[in-house]
Amino acid sequence: MNLSQTLKAILVGFCFGIGIVWLLAAIIPLTMGLNSAKFIRDCFDDISSISVLSGGISSVIWLILAARGQKKKKKEELENEMLEYFRKQNGNAEKD
């Protein structure tokens, strides 16, 4: 992975982690019959710290998944190139 892909994976993962925590902080009080705005105001510090922690963890996970996907893609490309090479070799051997 090059630098821009790495930074993009980290940024997307961080935003995903923060977004999920804030979304849950807004939805869960509603399902419990509480005032969501009051809950967020009362627990703002806790939600903020958990969202930053979740963003960090999510960015690391996102980076690992992106690297694995890139590795798998390169492996498949190499396999396809090898298959094409051996097909050409077999075609040349049959002509001889």
PDB file of N, CA and C in Angstrom:
ATOM      1  N   MET A   1       0.844  -1.188   0.000  1.00  0.00           N
ATOM      2  CA  MET A   1       0.000   0.000   0.000  1.00  0.00           C
ATOM      3  C   MET A   1       0.881   1.240   0.000  1.00  0.00           C
ATOM      4  N   ASN A   2       0.488   2.208  -0.809  1.00  0.00           N
ATOM      5  CA  ASN A   2       1.248   3.448  -0.799  1.00  0.00           C
ATOM      6  C   ASN A   2       0.715   4.384   0.299  1.00  0.00           C
ATOM      7  N   LEU A   3       1.335   5.518   0.425  1.00  0.00           N
ATOM      8  CA  LEU A   3       1.020   6.427   1.531  1.00  0.00           C
ATOM      9  C   LEU A   3      -0.413   6.951   1.460  1.00  0.00           C
ATOM     10  N   SER A   4      -0.864   7.318   0.281  1.00  0.00           N
ATOM     11  CA  SER A   4      -2.218   7.871   0.180  1.00  0.00           C
ATOM     12  C   SER A   4      -3.283   6.819   0.512  1.00  0.00           C
ATOM     13  N   GLN A   5      -3.069   5.571   0.094  1.00  0.00           N
ATOM     14  CA  GLN A   5      -4.019   4.514   0.425  1.00  0.00           C
ATOM     15  C   GLN A   5      -4.021   4.230   1.924  1.00  0.00           C
ATOM     16  N   THR A   6      -2.855   4.275   2.532  1.00  0.00           N
ATOM     17  CA  THR A   6      -2.749   4.046   3.966  1.00  0.00           C
ATOM     18  C   THR A   6      -3.466   5.150   4.742  1.00  0.00           C
ATOM     19  N   LEU A   7      -3.210   6.394   4.363  1.00  0.00           N
ATOM     20  CA  LEU A   7      -3.862   7.512   5.054  1.00  0.00           C
ATOM     21  C   LEU A   7      -5.368   7.492   4.839  1.00  0.00           C
ATOM     22  N   LYS A   8      -5.801   7.126   3.642  1.00  0.00           N
ATOM     23  CA  LYS A   8      -7.232   7.043   3.375  1.00  0.00           C
ATOM     24  C   LYS A   8      -7.884   5.960   4.239  1.00  0.00           C
ATOM     25  N   ALA A   9      -7.236   4.808   4.366  1.00  0.00           N
ATOM     26  CA  ALA A   9      -7.779   3.724   5.190  1.00  0.00           C
ATOM     27  C   ALA A   9      -7.852   4.142   6.654  1.00  0.00           C
ATOM     28  N   ILE A  10      -6.831   4.828   7.144  1.00  0.00           N
ATOM     29  CA  ILE A  10      -6.830   5.285   8.533  1.00  0.00           C
ATOM     30  C   ILE A  10      -7.938   6.316   8.760  1.00  0.00           C
ATOM     31  N   LEU A  11      -8.077   7.265   7.841  1.00  0.00           N
ATOM     32  CA  LEU A  11      -9.097   8.309   7.979  1.00  0.00           C
ATOM     33  C   LEU A  11     -10.506   7.734   7.916  1.00  0.00           C
ATOM     34  N   VAL A  12     -10.747   6.830   6.966  1.00  0.00           N
ATOM     35  CA  VAL A  12     -12.079   6.231   6.839  1.00  0.00           C
ATOM     36  C   VAL A  12     -12.410   5.408   8.083  1.00  0.00           C
ATOM     37  N   GLY A  13     -11.441   4.642   8.571  1.00  0.00           N
ATOM     38  CA  GLY A  13     -11.660   3.845   9.772  1.00  0.00           C
ATOM     39  C   GLY A  13     -11.927   4.710  10.992  1.00  0.00           C
ATOM     40  N   PHE A  14     -11.187   5.798  11.127  1.00  0.00           N
ATOM     41  CA  PHE A  14     -11.372   6.693  12.266  1.00  0.00           C
ATOM     42  C   PHE A  14     -12.757   7.342  12.221  1.00  0.00           C
ATOM     43  N   CYS A  15     -13.154   7.822  11.058  1.00  0.00           N
ATOM     44  CA  CYS A  15     -14.486   8.423  10.923  1.00  0.00           C
ATOM     45  C   CYS A  15     -15.588   7.402  11.151  1.00  0.00           C
ATOM     46  N   PHE A  16     -15.381   6.180  10.687  1.00  0.00           N
ATOM     47  CA  PHE A  16     -16.362   5.126  10.894  1.00  0.00           C
ATOM     48  C   PHE A  16     -16.541   4.838  12.381  1.00  0.00           C
ATOM     49  N   GLY A  17     -15.432   4.720  13.118  1.00  0.00           N
ATOM     50  CA  GLY A  17     -15.504   4.445  14.554  1.00  0.00           C
ATOM     51  C   GLY A  17     -16.198   5.552  15.326  1.00  0.00           C
ATOM     52  N   ILE A  18     -15.852   6.791  15.019  1.00  0.00           N
ATOM     53  CA  ILE A  18     -16.484   7.923  15.699  1.00  0.00           C
ATOM     54  C   ILE A  18     -17.970   7.996  15.347  1.00  0.00           C
ATOM     55  N   GLY A  19     -18.280   7.796  14.079  1.00  0.00           N
ATOM     56  CA  GLY A  19     -19.677   7.866  13.642  1.00  0.00           C
ATOM     57  C   GLY A  19     -20.555   6.817  14.292  1.00  0.00           C
ATOM     58  N   ILE A  20     -20.044   5.614  14.408  1.00  0.00           N
ATOM     59  CA  ILE A  20     -20.825   4.533  15.026  1.00  0.00           C
ATOM     60  C   ILE A  20     -21.139   4.853  16.489  1.00  0.00           C
ATOM     61  N   VAL A  21     -20.155   5.344  17.226  1.00  0.00           N
ATOM     62  CA  VAL A  21     -20.378   5.649  18.645  1.00  0.00           C
ATOM     63  C   VAL A  21     -21.408   6.762  18.808  1.00  0.00           C
ATOM     64  N   TRP A  22     -21.295   7.827  18.015  1.00  0.00           N
ATOM     65  CA  TRP A  22     -22.252   8.925  18.135  1.00  0.00           C
ATOM     66  C   TRP A  22     -23.643   8.506  17.666  1.00  0.00           C
ATOM     67  N   LEU A  23     -23.700   7.642  16.667  1.00  0.00           N
ATOM     68  CA  LEU A  23     -24.999   7.138  16.218  1.00  0.00           C
ATOM     69  C   LEU A  23     -25.661   6.301  17.310  1.00  0.00           C
ATOM     70  N   LEU A  24     -24.878   5.448  17.936  1.00  0.00           N
ATOM     71  CA  LEU A  24     -25.417   4.654  19.045  1.00  0.00           C
ATOM     72  C   LEU A  24     -25.815   5.526  20.223  1.00  0.00           C
ATOM     73  N   ALA A  25     -25.038   6.586  20.475  1.00  0.00           N
ATOM     74  CA  ALA A  25     -25.368   7.494  21.576  1.00  0.00           C
ATOM     75  C   ALA A  25     -26.678   8.225  21.316  1.00  0.00           C
ATOM     76  N   ALA A  26     -27.048   8.396  20.066  1.00  0.00           N
ATOM     77  CA  ALA A  26     -28.310   9.058  19.752  1.00  0.00           C
ATOM     78  C   ALA A  26     -29.475   8.071  19.702  1.00  0.00           C
ATOM     79  N   ILE A  27     -29.220   6.837  19.256  1.00  0.00           N
ATOM     80  CA  ILE A  27     -30.308   5.873  19.065  1.00  0.00           C
ATOM     81  C   ILE A  27     -30.667   5.126  20.351  1.00  0.00           C
ATOM     82  N   ILE A  28     -29.688   4.694  21.113  1.00  0.00           N
ATOM     83  CA  ILE A  28     -29.958   3.873  22.291  1.00  0.00           C
ATOM     84  C   ILE A  28     -30.868   4.575  23.306  1.00  0.00           C
ATOM     85  N   PRO A  29     -30.657   5.851  23.630  1.00  0.00           N
ATOM     86  CA  PRO A  29     -31.591   6.495  24.573  1.00  0.00           C
ATOM     87  C   PRO A  29     -33.027   6.547  24.040  1.00  0.00           C
ATOM     88  N   LEU A  30     -33.175   6.674  22.739  1.00  0.00           N
ATOM     89  CA  LEU A  30     -34.527   6.705  22.166  1.00  0.00           C
ATOM     90  C   LEU A  30     -35.237   5.369  22.344  1.00  0.00           C
ATOM     91  N   THR A  31     -34.490   4.271  22.211  1.00  0.00           N
ATOM     92  CA  THR A  31     -35.102   2.957  22.387  1.00  0.00           C
ATOM     93  C   THR A  31     -35.457   2.692  23.848  1.00  0.00           C
ATOM     94  N   MET A  32     -34.785   3.396  24.755  1.00  0.00           N
ATOM     95  CA  MET A  32     -35.062   3.215  26.179  1.00  0.00           C
ATOM     96  C   MET A  32     -36.083   4.228  26.694  1.00  0.00           C
ATOM     97  N   GLY A  33     -36.552   5.100  25.824  1.00  0.00           N
ATOM     98  CA  GLY A  33     -37.551   6.079  26.235  1.00  0.00           C
ATOM     99  C   GLY A  33     -36.962   7.290  26.933  1.00  0.00           C
ATOM    100  N   LEU A  34     -35.689   7.560  26.732  1.00  0.00           N
ATOM    101  CA  LEU A  34     -35.045   8.724  27.351  1.00  0.00           C
ATOM    102  C   LEU A  34     -34.953   9.859  26.346  1.00  0.00           C
ATOM    103  N   ASN A  35     -34.691  11.046  26.863  1.00  0.00           N
ATOM    104  CA  ASN A  35     -34.440  12.193  25.999  1.00  0.00           C
ATOM    105  C   ASN A  35     -33.012  12.097  25.484  1.00  0.00           C
ATOM    106  N   SER A  36     -32.863  11.932  24.180  1.00  0.00           N
ATOM    107  CA  SER A  36     -31.547  11.715  23.582  1.00  0.00           C
ATOM    108  C   SER A  36     -30.631  12.926  23.770  1.00  0.00           C
ATOM    109  N   ALA A  37     -31.174  14.133  23.602  1.00  0.00           N
ATOM    110  CA  ALA A  37     -30.357  15.346  23.747  1.00  0.00           C
ATOM    111  C   ALA A  37     -29.848  15.495  25.177  1.00  0.00           C
ATOM    112  N   LYS A  38     -30.689  15.220  26.152  1.00  0.00           N
ATOM    113  CA  LYS A  38     -30.273  15.329  27.557  1.00  0.00           C
ATOM    114  C   LYS A  38     -29.223  14.265  27.882  1.00  0.00           C
ATOM    115  N   PHE A  39     -29.417  13.066  27.368  1.00  0.00           N
ATOM    116  CA  PHE A  39     -28.448  11.994  27.597  1.00  0.00           C
ATOM    117  C   PHE A  39     -27.090  12.374  27.024  1.00  0.00           C
ATOM    118  N   ILE A  40     -27.079  12.890  25.799  1.00  0.00           N
ATOM    119  CA  ILE A  40     -25.811  13.277  25.175  1.00  0.00           C
ATOM    120  C   ILE A  40     -25.166  14.424  25.946  1.00  0.00           C
ATOM    121  N   ARG A  41     -25.956  15.401  26.393  1.00  0.00           N
ATOM    122  CA  ARG A  41     -25.410  16.517  27.163  1.00  0.00           C
ATOM    123  C   ARG A  41     -24.803  16.042  28.482  1.00  0.00           C
ATOM    124  N   ASP A  42     -25.486  15.120  29.155  1.00  0.00           N
ATOM    125  CA  ASP A  42     -24.995  14.623  30.444  1.00  0.00           C
ATOM    126  C   ASP A  42     -23.750  13.743  30.295  1.00  0.00           C
ATOM    127  N   CYS A  43     -23.664  12.982  29.218  1.00  0.00           N
ATOM    128  CA  CYS A  43     -22.568  12.014  29.049  1.00  0.00           C
ATOM    129  C   CYS A  43     -21.602  12.421  27.950  1.00  0.00           C
ATOM    130  N   PHE A  44     -21.530  13.705  27.622  1.00  0.00           N
ATOM    131  CA  PHE A  44     -20.721  14.168  26.498  1.00  0.00           C
ATOM    132  C   PHE A  44     -19.254  13.774  26.627  1.00  0.00           C
ATOM    133  N   ASP A  45     -18.677  13.942  27.824  1.00  0.00           N
ATOM    134  CA  ASP A  45     -17.257  13.617  28.006  1.00  0.00           C
ATOM    135  C   ASP A  45     -16.991  12.129  27.800  1.00  0.00           C
ATOM    136  N   ASP A  46     -17.854  11.299  28.346  1.00  0.00           N
ATOM    137  CA  ASP A  46     -17.677   9.849  28.182  1.00  0.00           C
ATOM    138  C   ASP A  46     -17.852   9.427  26.727  1.00  0.00           C
ATOM    139  N   ILE A  47     -18.865   9.970  26.078  1.00  0.00           N
ATOM    140  CA  ILE A  47     -19.106   9.622  24.676  1.00  0.00           C
ATOM    141  C   ILE A  47     -17.933  10.074  23.811  1.00  0.00           C
ATOM    142  N   SER A  48     -17.414  11.252  24.082  1.00  0.00           N
ATOM    143  CA  SER A  48     -16.286  11.767  23.295  1.00  0.00           C
ATOM    144  C   SER A  48     -15.050  10.892  23.449  1.00  0.00           C
ATOM    145  N   SER A  49     -14.727  10.518  24.675  1.00  0.00           N
ATOM    146  CA  SER A  49     -13.529   9.703  24.888  1.00  0.00           C
ATOM    147  C   SER A  49     -13.694   8.307  24.287  1.00  0.00           C
ATOM    148  N   ILE A  50     -14.882   7.752  24.412  1.00  0.00           N
ATOM    149  CA  ILE A  50     -15.124   6.426  23.833  1.00  0.00           C
ATOM    150  C   ILE A  50     -15.096   6.504  22.305  1.00  0.00           C
ATOM    151  N   SER A  51     -15.602   7.590  21.738  1.00  0.00           N
ATOM    152  CA  SER A  51     -15.606   7.707  20.283  1.00  0.00           C
ATOM    153  C   SER A  51     -14.190   7.842  19.727  1.00  0.00           C
ATOM    154  N   VAL A  52     -13.325   8.564  20.419  1.00  0.00           N
ATOM    155  CA  VAL A  52     -11.929   8.673  19.967  1.00  0.00           C
ATOM    156  C   VAL A  52     -11.229   7.324  20.084  1.00  0.00           C
ATOM    157  N   LEU A  53     -11.460   6.616  21.175  1.00  0.00           N
ATOM    158  CA  LEU A  53     -10.886   5.279  21.339  1.00  0.00           C
ATOM    159  C   LEU A  53     -11.403   4.328  20.265  1.00  0.00           C
ATOM    160  N   SER A  54     -12.700   4.372  20.030  1.00  0.00           N
ATOM    161  CA  SER A  54     -13.294   3.530  19.003  1.00  0.00           C
ATOM    162  C   SER A  54     -12.772   3.889  17.618  1.00  0.00           C
ATOM    163  N   GLY A  55     -12.574   5.169  17.361  1.00  0.00           N
ATOM    164  CA  GLY A  55     -12.009   5.602  16.080  1.00  0.00           C
ATOM    165  C   GLY A  55     -10.601   5.084  15.883  1.00  0.00           C
ATOM    166  N   GLY A  56      -9.797   5.103  16.930  1.00  0.00           N
ATOM    167  CA  GLY A  56      -8.433   4.572  16.829  1.00  0.00           C
ATOM    168  C   GLY A  56      -8.404   3.082  16.560  1.00  0.00           C
ATOM    169  N   ILE A  57      -9.218   2.360  17.283  1.00  0.00           N
ATOM    170  CA  ILE A  57      -9.281   0.907  17.089  1.00  0.00           C
ATOM    171  C   ILE A  57      -9.822   0.577  15.694  1.00  0.00           C
ATOM    172  N   SER A  58     -10.851   1.295  15.296  1.00  0.00           N
ATOM    173  CA  SER A  58     -11.454   1.064  13.989  1.00  0.00           C
ATOM    174  C   SER A  58     -10.475   1.392  12.859  1.00  0.00           C
ATOM    175  N   SER A  59      -9.678   2.435  13.018  1.00  0.00           N
ATOM    176  CA  SER A  59      -8.721   2.779  11.963  1.00  0.00           C
ATOM    177  C   SER A  59      -7.654   1.702  11.802  1.00  0.00           C
ATOM    178  N   VAL A  60      -7.215   1.115  12.906  1.00  0.00           N
ATOM    179  CA  VAL A  60      -6.238   0.024  12.819  1.00  0.00           C
ATOM    180  C   VAL A  60      -6.855  -1.192  12.132  1.00  0.00           C
ATOM    181  N   ILE A  61      -8.077  -1.521  12.510  1.00  0.00           N
ATOM    182  CA  ILE A  61      -8.759  -2.665  11.888  1.00  0.00           C
ATOM    183  C   ILE A  61      -8.979  -2.401  10.402  1.00  0.00           C
ATOM    184  N   TRP A  62      -9.418  -1.190  10.058  1.00  0.00           N
ATOM    185  CA  TRP A  62      -9.662  -0.833   8.668  1.00  0.00           C
ATOM    186  C   TRP A  62      -8.370  -0.921   7.859  1.00  0.00           C
ATOM    187  N   LEU A  63      -7.262  -0.484   8.446  1.00  0.00           N
ATOM    188  CA  LEU A  63      -5.964  -0.542   7.769  1.00  0.00           C
ATOM    189  C   LEU A  63      -5.549  -1.980   7.510  1.00  0.00           C
ATOM    190  N   ILE A  64      -5.741  -2.849   8.485  1.00  0.00           N
ATOM    191  CA  ILE A  64      -5.399  -4.260   8.321  1.00  0.00           C
ATOM    192  C   ILE A  64      -6.253  -4.894   7.232  1.00  0.00           C
ATOM    193  N   LEU A  65      -7.549  -4.609   7.233  1.00  0.00           N
ATOM    194  CA  LEU A  65      -8.435  -5.176   6.218  1.00  0.00           C
ATOM    195  C   LEU A  65      -8.089  -4.667   4.819  1.00  0.00           C
ATOM    196  N   ALA A  66      -7.724  -3.400   4.709  1.00  0.00           N
ATOM    197  CA  ALA A  66      -7.346  -2.852   3.407  1.00  0.00           C
ATOM    198  C   ALA A  66      -6.059  -3.492   2.903  1.00  0.00           C
ATOM    199  N   ALA A  67      -5.096  -3.708   3.792  1.00  0.00           N
ATOM    200  CA  ALA A  67      -3.842  -4.340   3.397  1.00  0.00           C
ATOM    201  C   ALA A  67      -4.073  -5.785   2.971  1.00  0.00           C
ATOM    202  N   ARG A  68      -4.930  -6.496   3.693  1.00  0.00           N
ATOM    203  CA  ARG A  68      -5.238  -7.887   3.323  1.00  0.00           C
ATOM    204  C   ARG A  68      -5.926  -7.950   1.965  1.00  0.00           C
ATOM    205  N   GLY A  69      -6.836  -7.023   1.717  1.00  0.00           N
ATOM    206  CA  GLY A  69      -7.526  -6.981   0.435  1.00  0.00           C
ATOM    207  C   GLY A  69      -6.571  -6.700  -0.712  1.00  0.00           C
ATOM    208  N   GLN A  70      -5.634  -5.802  -0.490  1.00  0.00           N
ATOM    209  CA  GLN A  70      -4.635  -5.471  -1.504  1.00  0.00           C
ATOM    210  C   GLN A  70      -3.735  -6.680  -1.778  1.00  0.00           C
ATOM    211  N   LYS A  71      -3.349  -7.358  -0.720  1.00  0.00           N
ATOM    212  CA  LYS A  71      -2.493  -8.541  -0.875  1.00  0.00           C
ATOM    213  C   LYS A  71      -3.219  -9.638  -1.648  1.00  0.00           C
ATOM    214  N   LYS A  72      -4.487  -9.827  -1.337  1.00  0.00           N
ATOM    215  CA  LYS A  72      -5.282 -10.851  -2.026  1.00  0.00           C
ATOM    216  C   LYS A  72      -5.440 -10.499  -3.503  1.00  0.00           C
ATOM    217  N   LYS A  73      -5.644  -9.230  -3.793  1.00  0.00           N
ATOM    218  CA  LYS A  73      -5.790  -8.783  -5.176  1.00  0.00           C
ATOM    219  C   LYS A  73      -4.500  -9.028  -5.965  1.00  0.00           C
ATOM    220  N   LYS A  74      -3.364  -8.712  -5.371  1.00  0.00           N
ATOM    221  CA  LYS A  74      -2.086  -8.938  -6.044  1.00  0.00           C
ATOM    222  C   LYS A  74      -1.843 -10.426  -6.278  1.00  0.00           C
ATOM    223  N   LYS A  75      -2.222 -11.241  -5.314  1.00  0.00           N
ATOM    224  CA  LYS A  75      -2.050 -12.687  -5.447  1.00  0.00           C
ATOM    225  C   LYS A  75      -2.895 -13.223  -6.599  1.00  0.00           C
ATOM    226  N   GLU A  76      -4.138 -12.759  -6.702  1.00  0.00           N
ATOM    227  CA  GLU A  76      -5.009 -13.204  -7.787  1.00  0.00           C
ATOM    228  C   GLU A  76      -4.474 -12.755  -9.145  1.00  0.00           C
ATOM    229  N   GLU A  77      -3.936 -11.544  -9.220  1.00  0.00           N
ATOM    230  CA  GLU A  77      -3.348 -11.060 -10.470  1.00  0.00           C
ATOM    231  C   GLU A  77      -2.158 -11.915 -10.874  1.00  0.00           C
ATOM    232  N   LEU A  78      -1.320 -12.257  -9.910  1.00  0.00           N
ATOM    233  CA  LEU A  78      -0.157 -13.102 -10.194  1.00  0.00           C
ATOM    234  C   LEU A  78      -0.590 -14.481 -10.664  1.00  0.00           C
ATOM    235  N   GLU A  79      -1.604 -15.047 -10.024  1.00  0.00           N
ATOM    236  CA  GLU A  79      -2.105 -16.361 -10.445  1.00  0.00           C
ATOM    237  C   GLU A  79      -2.646 -16.309 -11.866  1.00  0.00           C
ATOM    238  N   ASN A  80      -3.369 -15.246 -12.198  1.00  0.00           N
ATOM    239  CA  ASN A  80      -3.902 -15.106 -13.549  1.00  0.00           C
ATOM    240  C   ASN A  80      -2.783 -14.968 -14.582  1.00  0.00           C
ATOM    241  N   GLU A  81      -1.754 -14.214 -14.251  1.00  0.00           N
ATOM    242  CA  GLU A  81      -0.617 -14.067 -15.152  1.00  0.00           C
ATOM    243  C   GLU A  81       0.115 -15.396 -15.334  1.00  0.00           C
ATOM    244  N   MET A  82       0.259 -16.152 -14.258  1.00  0.00           N
ATOM    245  CA  MET A  82       0.921 -17.454 -14.362  1.00  0.00           C
ATOM    246  C   MET A  82       0.094 -18.413 -15.219  1.00  0.00           C
ATOM    247  N   LEU A  83      -1.214 -18.425 -15.035  1.00  0.00           N
ATOM    248  CA  LEU A  83      -2.073 -19.288 -15.846  1.00  0.00           C
ATOM    249  C   LEU A  83      -1.966 -18.925 -17.327  1.00  0.00           C
ATOM    250  N   GLU A  84      -1.967 -17.640 -17.617  1.00  0.00           N
ATOM    251  CA  GLU A  84      -1.840 -17.189 -19.007  1.00  0.00           C
ATOM    252  C   GLU A  84      -0.489 -17.589 -19.593  1.00  0.00           C
ATOM    253  N   TYR A  85       0.564 -17.460 -18.817  1.00  0.00           N
ATOM    254  CA  TYR A  85       1.900 -17.848 -19.275  1.00  0.00           C
ATOM    255  C   TYR A  85       1.950 -19.342 -19.592  1.00  0.00           C
ATOM    256  N   PHE A  86       1.404 -20.177 -18.708  1.00  0.00           N
ATOM    257  CA  PHE A  86       1.447 -21.620 -18.936  1.00  0.00           C
ATOM    258  C   PHE A  86       0.530 -22.030 -20.088  1.00  0.00           C
ATOM    259  N   ARG A  87      -0.556 -21.317 -20.296  1.00  0.00           N
ATOM    260  CA  ARG A  87      -1.410 -21.601 -21.463  1.00  0.00           C
ATOM    261  C   ARG A  87      -0.637 -21.336 -22.753  1.00  0.00           C
ATOM    262  N   LYS A  88       0.099 -20.231 -22.787  1.00  0.00           N
ATOM    263  CA  LYS A  88       0.917 -19.907 -23.963  1.00  0.00           C
ATOM    264  C   LYS A  88       2.010 -20.954 -24.171  1.00  0.00           C
ATOM    265  N   GLN A  89       2.626 -21.379 -23.073  1.00  0.00           N
ATOM    266  CA  GLN A  89       3.678 -22.402 -23.169  1.00  0.00           C
ATOM    267  C   GLN A  89       3.123 -23.711 -23.701  1.00  0.00           C
ATOM    268  N   ASN A  90       1.933 -24.113 -23.229  1.00  0.00           N
ATOM    269  CA  ASN A  90       1.311 -25.341 -23.717  1.00  0.00           C
ATOM    270  C   ASN A  90       0.893 -25.204 -25.167  1.00  0.00           C
ATOM    271  N   GLY A  91       0.450 -24.026 -25.570  1.00  0.00           N
ATOM    272  CA  GLY A  91       0.094 -23.790 -26.962  1.00  0.00           C
ATOM    273  C   GLY A  91       1.301 -23.885 -27.873  1.00  0.00           C
ATOM    274  N   ASN A  92       2.458 -23.372 -27.423  1.00  0.00           N
ATOM    275  CA  ASN A  92       3.686 -23.451 -28.202  1.00  0.00           C
ATOM    276  C   ASN A  92       4.207 -24.881 -28.259  1.00  0.00           C
ATOM    277  N   ALA A  93       4.040 -25.629 -27.169  1.00  0.00           N
ATOM    278  CA  ALA A  93       4.530 -27.020 -27.131  1.00  0.00           C
ATOM    279  C   ALA A  93       3.702 -27.898 -28.054  1.00  0.00           C
ATOM    280  N   GLU A  94       2.402 -27.640 -28.172  1.00  0.00           N
ATOM    281  CA  GLU A  94       1.555 -28.441 -29.043  1.00  0.00           C
ATOM    282  C   GLU A  94       1.850 -28.177 -30.519  1.00  0.00           C
ATOM    283  N   LYS A  95       2.284 -26.964 -30.848  1.00  0.00           N
ATOM    284  CA  LYS A  95       2.608 -26.624 -32.220  1.00  0.00           C
ATOM    285  C   LYS A  95       3.902 -27.310 -32.675  1.00  0.00           C
ATOM    286  N   ASP A  96       4.810 -27.574 -31.739  1.00  0.00           N
ATOM    287  CA  ASP A  96       6.101 -28.196 -32.094  1.00  0.00           C
ATOM    288  C   ASP A  96       5.997 -29.651 -32.399  1.00  0.00           C
TER     289      ASP A  96
END
